Amino acid sequence: MRRKTLDALVASTGAVIAIVLLAAGGLLTWASSYIDTQVRDQLTMQDITMPAKDSLETASQHKALDQYAGQKMATGDQAQAFADHYILVHMNAASGNRTYEDVSGEFIAKSGADPKFAASPEGQQLGQLRQTLFMGNTLRGLLLNAYAFDTMGEIAGYAAYASFGGAAVLLLLVGAGAVHMRRTPADVEVGHRHDELVGA
């Protein structure tokens, strides 16, 4: 095989890969922007205000939430901090660190053993706690889903940068290969030494 032909094949392959990377970078950029917009719009619609500093009780709460104090929730990071360091803390405080399954199971068991339990003061209190934990889990799940999608959008953005960077490097190499191909005599075979090419 002639060296010029091999150079042309390598350059063509590099150019095709560069085009694929550019296309991937464009799609990843679109995906990142779309996810960011959707997460921001959906969270903003909920009109959730991040808690003030004086409403926080623990050092971990202050560490996670102080930076967002008083802001309207609009990002995945805010959603995650609110879900894990505010909602969950209050759920655990109300239930004595019991889960919804624990409380619901107790309520169902006691109601099954005594039909009048649900109407009793203890039953109403346990039922209210059950409802509170259910609502808390639902809101936490929605907010953490927003955080997960926001994180995926960030990863897509980084992947887009990597794709564009890889494409740029390949295009530079393709350009260098094209220059080398033009300088190589048409009759040189693959495997000839450089000194033979220059007449040394």
Protein backbone atom coordinates (compact mmCIF):
# COMPACT_ATOMS: atom_id res chain seq x y z
CA MET A 1 0.00 0.00 0.00
CA ARG A 2 1.24 3.44 -0.83
CA ARG A 3 1.95 5.75 2.11
CA LYS A 4 -0.19 8.51 0.61
CA THR A 5 -3.19 6.15 0.45
CA LEU A 6 -2.70 5.10 4.08
CA ASP A 7 -2.46 8.72 5.19
CA ALA A 8 -5.67 9.50 3.32
CA LEU A 9 -7.48 6.60 5.02
CA VAL A 10 -6.28 7.61 8.48
CA ALA A 11 -7.19 11.26 7.90
CA SER A 12 -10.63 10.33 6.58
CA THR A 13 -11.31 8.07 9.56
CA GLY A 14 -10.22 10.82 11.96
CA ALA A 15 -12.47 13.32 10.20
CA VAL A 16 -15.48 10.98 10.45
CA ILE A 17 -14.87 10.39 14.16
CA ALA A 18 -14.49 14.14 14.70
CA ILE A 19 -17.84 14.75 13.00
CA VAL A 20 -19.48 12.08 15.18
CA LEU A 21 -18.01 13.71 18.30
CA LEU A 22 -19.23 17.13 17.20
CA ALA A 23 -22.73 15.73 16.67
CA ALA A 24 -22.61 13.99 20.05
CA GLY A 25 -21.40 17.19 21.69
CA GLY A 26 -24.28 19.11 20.16
CA LEU A 27 -26.85 16.59 21.33
CA LEU A 28 -25.35 16.42 24.83
CA THR A 29 -25.36 20.21 25.05
CA TRP A 30 -29.03 20.27 24.06
CA ALA A 31 -29.84 17.55 26.60
CA SER A 32 -28.01 19.40 29.37
CA SER A 33 -29.79 22.66 28.59
CA TYR A 34 -33.19 20.96 28.31
CA ILE A 35 -32.84 19.13 31.63
CA ASP A 36 -31.62 22.28 33.40
CA THR A 37 -34.59 24.27 32.08
CA GLN A 38 -37.13 21.59 32.98
CA VAL A 39 -35.80 21.10 36.51
CA ARG A 40 -35.67 24.86 37.13
CA ASP A 41 -39.18 25.44 35.75
CA GLN A 42 -40.74 22.54 37.66
CA LEU A 43 -39.12 23.49 40.97
CA THR A 44 -39.93 27.17 40.56
CA MET A 45 -43.60 26.30 39.99
CA GLN A 46 -43.72 24.69 43.44
CA ASP A 47 -42.89 28.09 45.00
CA ILE A 48 -40.86 26.53 47.85
CA THR A 49 -38.82 28.95 49.95
CA MET A 50 -35.68 27.51 51.52
CA PRO A 51 -35.73 27.68 55.35
CA ALA A 52 -34.24 30.63 57.19
CA LYS A 53 -31.09 30.07 59.24
CA ASP A 54 -32.84 30.62 62.56
CA SER A 55 -35.26 27.74 61.82
CA LEU A 56 -32.42 25.20 61.58
CA GLU A 57 -31.43 23.17 64.60
CA THR A 58 -28.38 21.05 63.87
CA ALA A 59 -24.87 21.69 62.59
CA SER A 60 -25.47 19.42 59.59
CA GLN A 61 -28.59 21.41 58.70
CA HIS A 62 -26.69 24.68 58.86
CA LYS A 63 -23.86 23.23 56.76
CA ALA A 64 -26.26 22.03 54.05
CA LEU A 65 -28.86 24.80 54.07
CA ASP A 66 -27.31 28.09 55.25
CA GLN A 67 -26.09 28.92 51.74
CA TYR A 68 -29.66 28.72 50.42
CA ALA A 69 -31.46 30.46 53.30
CA GLY A 70 -34.50 32.42 52.15
CA GLN A 71 -34.01 31.60 48.45
CA LYS A 72 -36.72 30.24 46.17
CA MET A 73 -35.96 26.62 45.30
CA ALA A 74 -34.84 26.38 41.67
CA THR A 75 -31.93 23.93 41.47
CA GLY A 76 -31.32 20.25 42.03
CA ASP A 77 -28.77 20.96 44.77
CA GLN A 78 -31.33 23.02 46.69
CA ALA A 79 -33.91 20.25 46.27
CA GLN A 80 -31.51 17.61 47.62
CA ALA A 81 -30.50 19.75 50.59
CA PHE A 82 -34.12 20.53 51.47
CA ALA A 83 -35.19 16.88 51.10
CA ASP A 84 -32.37 15.31 53.12
CA HIS A 85 -31.64 18.00 55.71
CA TYR A 86 -35.01 19.58 56.36
CA ILE A 87 -37.93 17.34 55.43
CA LEU A 88 -36.24 14.13 56.60
CA VAL A 89 -35.08 15.73 59.86
CA HIS A 90 -38.64 16.79 60.70
CA MET A 91 -40.04 13.42 59.68
CA ASN A 92 -37.58 11.63 61.97
CA ALA A 93 -38.30 14.02 64.82
CA ALA A 94 -42.06 13.48 64.48
CA SER A 95 -41.84 9.70 64.24
CA GLY A 96 -38.96 8.97 66.60
CA ASN A 97 -36.86 7.85 63.61
CA ARG A 98 -39.51 5.37 62.52
CA THR A 99 -40.25 4.98 58.82
CA TYR A 100 -43.62 5.30 57.12
CA GLU A 101 -43.73 1.51 56.84
CA ASP A 102 -43.22 1.15 60.59
CA VAL A 103 -45.96 3.62 61.50
CA SER A 104 -48.38 2.41 58.84
CA GLY A 105 -47.84 -1.19 59.86
CA GLU A 106 -48.57 -0.32 63.50
CA PHE A 107 -51.70 1.61 62.54
CA ILE A 108 -53.04 -1.22 60.38
CA ALA A 109 -52.27 -3.86 63.02
CA LYS A 110 -53.98 -1.94 65.83
CA SER A 111 -56.95 -1.04 63.66
CA GLY A 112 -57.36 -4.69 62.69
CA ALA A 113 -57.25 -5.82 66.30
CA ASP A 114 -59.69 -3.12 67.47
CA PRO A 115 -62.19 -1.60 64.99
CA LYS A 116 -62.61 1.41 67.30
CA PHE A 117 -58.89 2.18 67.43
CA ALA A 118 -58.87 4.54 64.42
CA ALA A 119 -61.49 6.77 66.11
CA SER A 120 -59.66 6.88 69.45
CA PRO A 121 -57.32 9.77 70.34
CA GLU A 122 -54.30 7.45 70.02
CA GLY A 123 -55.57 6.16 66.70
CA GLN A 124 -56.15 9.64 65.33
CA GLN A 125 -52.69 10.72 66.44
CA LEU A 126 -51.07 7.67 64.86
CA GLY A 127 -53.15 8.11 61.71
CA GLN A 128 -52.06 11.75 61.43
CA LEU A 129 -48.42 10.74 61.85
CA ARG A 130 -48.92 8.10 59.17
CA GLN A 131 -50.33 10.73 56.80
CA THR A 132 -47.51 13.17 57.60
CA LEU A 133 -44.84 10.58 56.85
CA PHE A 134 -46.60 9.59 53.62
CA MET A 135 -46.69 13.19 52.43
CA GLY A 136 -43.09 13.75 53.52
CA ASN A 137 -41.88 10.69 51.64
CA THR A 138 -43.79 11.74 48.53
CA LEU A 139 -42.32 15.24 48.53
CA ARG A 140 -38.83 13.94 49.27
CA GLY A 141 -39.09 11.49 46.39
CA LEU A 142 -40.13 14.22 43.95
CA LEU A 143 -37.37 16.56 45.07
CA LEU A 144 -34.70 13.85 44.93
CA ASN A 145 -35.86 12.90 41.44
CA ALA A 146 -35.36 16.54 40.44
CA TYR A 147 -31.88 16.39 41.95
CA ALA A 148 -31.09 13.18 40.06
CA PHE A 149 -32.19 14.66 36.73
CA ASP A 150 -30.25 17.85 37.44
CA THR A 151 -27.14 15.77 38.11
CA MET A 152 -27.66 13.89 34.84
CA GLY A 153 -27.87 17.24 33.07
CA GLU A 154 -24.56 18.32 34.59
CA ILE A 155 -22.92 15.05 33.51
CA ALA A 156 -24.29 15.54 29.99
CA GLY A 157 -22.75 19.01 29.97
CA TYR A 158 -19.33 17.66 30.99
CA ALA A 159 -19.63 14.92 28.37
CA ALA A 160 -20.40 17.59 25.76
CA TYR A 161 -17.22 19.47 26.66
CA ALA A 162 -15.24 16.21 26.38
CA SER A 163 -16.79 15.48 22.98
CA PHE A 164 -16.00 18.92 21.64
CA GLY A 165 -12.46 18.68 23.03
CA GLY A 166 -11.90 15.27 21.44
CA ALA A 167 -13.26 16.55 18.13
CA ALA A 168 -10.92 19.56 18.24
CA VAL A 169 -7.89 17.33 18.88
CA LEU A 170 -8.87 14.97 16.06
CA LEU A 171 -9.39 17.85 13.63
CA LEU A 172 -5.92 19.16 14.46
CA LEU A 173 -4.47 15.71 13.84
CA VAL A 174 -6.43 15.40 10.60
CA GLY A 175 -5.03 18.75 9.49
CA ALA A 176 -1.50 17.66 10.35
CA GLY A 177 -2.08 14.40 8.50
CA ALA A 178 -3.33 16.27 5.43
CA VAL A 179 -0.18 18.40 5.41
CA HIS A 180 1.99 15.29 5.75
CA MET A 181 0.05 13.57 2.96
CA ARG A 182 0.66 16.46 0.57
CA ARG A 183 4.40 16.37 1.32
CA THR A 184 4.69 12.62 0.78
CA PRO A 185 5.64 11.56 -2.79
CA ALA A 186 2.90 9.57 -4.51
CA ASP A 187 5.09 6.49 -5.16
CA VAL A 188 6.34 5.93 -1.58
CA GLU A 189 5.31 2.59 -0.13
CA VAL A 190 4.36 2.00 3.52
CA GLY A 191 7.42 0.95 5.52
CA HIS A 192 9.99 3.16 3.77
CA ARG A 193 12.28 4.97 6.11
CA HIS A 194 12.09 8.74 6.47
CA ASP A 195 15.70 9.13 5.30
CA GLU A 196 14.74 7.39 2.07
CA LEU A 197 11.89 9.86 1.58
CA VAL A 198 14.19 12.86 1.87
CA GLY A 199 17.00 11.30 -0.15
CA ALA A 200 19.47 10.86 2.71
